[in-house]
Amino acid sequence: MPVQRTSSDDPSATRDRSAPAPAVPAAAPPPGAAPGPGGRPSRLGPVRLPVSRTRAGAAWVGISLGALVLVLLIVFMMQNTEPVEVVFLGMRGSAPLALTLLIAGVGVGLVALVVGSLRIGQLRRRIGADRRAAEPASRTAP
């Protein structure tokens, strides 16, 4: 059986609609709260200073990402074991697809290492030459 509500059941029905709603007092901000706009304390809580990053933290993130990539690589290799025909410099052979792709990826990585090493060496030589050119000028200045 449905229940009918009367005006005495509804607390908002007893309040006079023309009168303004009672003011709700603002909650006190937590201790140590930073001042907000207008110099009043903020209710958002204490201000947190940014945490500086460390080498150990960066190493941990790098190792974690490396481990995740290795797990994905293992899954990829386990799912791609079908042999494929490989031709390289006139040689023919058969190898699992995952192994051939892994060897190709390592080859690309080695090429990138060689090119990067050459560029680093070039920049170091240029910096050394600039320092040697600046040394005589600094020795003659009083």
Protein backbone atom coordinates (compact mmCIF):
# COMPACT_ATOMS: atom_id res chain seq x y z
CA MET A 1 0.00 0.00 0.00
CA PRO A 2 1.50 3.39 -0.98
CA VAL A 3 2.33 5.80 1.81
CA GLN A 4 0.97 9.32 1.46
CA ARG A 5 3.05 12.14 2.84
CA THR A 6 1.40 14.96 4.66
CA SER A 7 2.69 18.47 5.07
CA SER A 8 3.71 17.65 8.65
CA ASP A 9 6.05 14.88 7.36
CA ASP A 10 7.97 17.27 5.12
CA PRO A 11 10.33 19.51 7.15
CA SER A 12 10.66 22.02 4.30
CA ALA A 13 6.89 22.47 4.21
CA THR A 14 6.82 24.00 7.71
CA ARG A 15 9.41 26.67 6.90
CA ASP A 16 8.19 30.04 5.72
CA ARG A 17 9.21 30.41 2.04
CA SER A 18 9.49 34.19 2.25
CA ALA A 19 12.07 34.09 5.07
CA PRO A 20 15.72 33.61 4.09
CA ALA A 21 17.33 30.27 4.80
CA PRO A 22 19.32 30.14 8.04
CA ALA A 23 23.05 30.80 7.57
CA VAL A 24 25.27 27.75 7.93
CA PRO A 25 28.46 28.55 9.84
CA ALA A 26 31.66 27.94 7.86
CA ALA A 27 33.81 25.07 9.04
CA ALA A 28 37.06 26.09 10.67
CA PRO A 29 40.11 25.49 8.47
CA PRO A 30 42.51 22.78 9.56
CA PRO A 31 45.54 23.86 11.57
CA GLY A 32 48.47 24.93 9.40
CA ALA A 33 46.21 25.88 6.48
CA ALA A 34 47.71 28.30 4.01
CA PRO A 35 46.11 31.70 3.61
CA GLY A 36 43.66 31.85 0.76
CA PRO A 37 42.42 34.86 -1.18
CA GLY A 38 41.87 37.90 1.00
CA GLY A 39 44.31 36.70 3.66
CA ARG A 40 41.83 34.23 5.13
CA PRO A 41 42.97 30.65 5.74
CA SER A 42 42.12 28.20 3.00
CA ARG A 43 39.99 25.16 3.74
CA LEU A 44 42.00 23.06 1.34
CA GLY A 45 44.55 22.02 3.95
CA PRO A 46 48.25 22.62 4.36
CA VAL A 47 50.35 23.62 1.38
CA ARG A 48 52.51 20.78 0.11
CA LEU A 49 55.90 21.68 -1.23
CA PRO A 50 57.03 19.92 -4.41
CA VAL A 51 59.26 16.92 -3.81
CA SER A 52 62.57 17.00 -5.65
CA ARG A 53 63.35 14.06 -7.86
CA THR A 54 66.34 11.89 -7.04
CA ARG A 55 68.64 9.72 -9.11
CA ALA A 56 67.52 6.66 -7.20
CA GLY A 57 63.89 7.45 -7.99
CA ALA A 58 64.70 7.97 -11.67
CA ALA A 59 66.64 4.69 -11.72
CA TRP A 60 63.72 2.89 -10.10
CA VAL A 61 61.30 4.23 -12.73
CA GLY A 62 63.71 3.29 -15.51
CA ILE A 63 64.21 -0.24 -14.19
CA SER A 64 60.46 -0.69 -13.74
CA LEU A 65 59.75 0.42 -17.30
CA GLY A 66 62.57 -1.79 -18.59
CA ALA A 67 61.16 -4.81 -16.75
CA LEU A 68 57.71 -4.11 -18.19
CA VAL A 69 59.14 -3.90 -21.71
CA LEU A 70 60.99 -7.19 -21.19
CA VAL A 71 57.81 -8.92 -20.02
CA LEU A 72 55.98 -7.63 -23.10
CA LEU A 73 58.87 -8.79 -25.29
CA ILE A 74 58.74 -12.28 -23.78
CA VAL A 75 54.99 -12.48 -24.40
CA PHE A 76 55.54 -11.32 -27.98
CA MET A 77 58.25 -13.94 -28.54
CA MET A 78 56.11 -16.74 -27.08
CA GLN A 79 53.23 -15.86 -29.40
CA ASN A 80 55.33 -15.56 -32.59
CA THR A 81 57.26 -18.81 -32.85
CA GLU A 82 56.29 -19.68 -36.43
CA PRO A 83 59.36 -20.06 -38.67
CA VAL A 84 59.79 -17.56 -41.49
CA GLU A 85 62.24 -17.50 -44.38
CA VAL A 86 64.97 -14.89 -43.94
CA VAL A 87 67.23 -13.56 -46.70
CA PHE A 88 70.25 -11.40 -45.77
CA LEU A 89 73.18 -10.54 -48.04
CA GLY A 90 72.44 -13.46 -50.32
CA MET A 91 72.13 -15.95 -47.45
CA ARG A 92 68.86 -17.79 -46.92
CA GLY A 93 67.58 -19.43 -43.83
CA SER A 94 64.63 -20.10 -41.61
CA ALA A 95 64.18 -18.66 -38.10
CA PRO A 96 61.30 -17.91 -35.75
CA LEU A 97 59.57 -14.61 -36.51
CA ALA A 98 60.15 -13.21 -33.02
CA LEU A 99 63.88 -13.95 -33.18
CA THR A 100 64.29 -12.25 -36.57
CA LEU A 101 62.43 -9.16 -35.33
CA LEU A 102 64.52 -9.11 -32.15
CA ILE A 103 67.75 -9.28 -34.14
CA ALA A 104 66.52 -6.47 -36.41
CA GLY A 105 65.65 -4.34 -33.36
CA VAL A 106 69.09 -4.91 -31.81
CA GLY A 107 70.67 -3.92 -35.14
CA VAL A 108 68.70 -0.66 -35.20
CA GLY A 109 69.75 0.01 -31.59
CA LEU A 110 73.42 -0.50 -32.48
CA VAL A 111 73.15 1.90 -35.43
CA ALA A 112 71.55 4.50 -33.12
CA LEU A 113 74.37 4.02 -30.57
CA VAL A 114 77.05 4.52 -33.21
CA VAL A 115 75.42 7.67 -34.62
CA GLY A 116 74.83 9.07 -31.12
CA SER A 117 78.42 8.35 -30.07
CA LEU A 118 79.75 10.10 -33.16
CA ARG A 119 77.61 13.17 -32.42
CA ILE A 120 78.71 13.26 -28.75
CA GLY A 121 82.35 13.05 -29.84
CA GLN A 122 81.81 15.87 -32.33
CA LEU A 123 80.26 18.11 -29.66
CA ARG A 124 83.05 17.35 -27.16
CA ARG A 125 85.71 18.25 -29.71
CA ARG A 126 83.91 21.51 -30.47
CA ILE A 127 83.61 22.40 -26.76
CA GLY A 128 87.31 21.59 -26.23
CA ALA A 129 88.30 23.79 -29.16
CA ASP A 130 86.15 26.65 -27.82
CA ARG A 131 87.76 26.34 -24.37
CA ARG A 132 91.28 26.32 -25.85
CA ALA A 133 90.46 29.40 -27.92
CA ALA A 134 89.10 31.21 -24.83
CA GLU A 135 92.14 30.38 -22.60
CA PRO A 136 94.68 32.81 -24.14
CA ALA A 137 92.14 35.66 -23.93
CA SER A 138 91.57 35.00 -20.21
CA ARG A 139 95.33 34.85 -19.50
CA THR A 140 96.00 38.25 -21.06
CA ALA A 141 93.14 39.97 -19.21
CA PRO A 142 94.27 41.60 -15.92
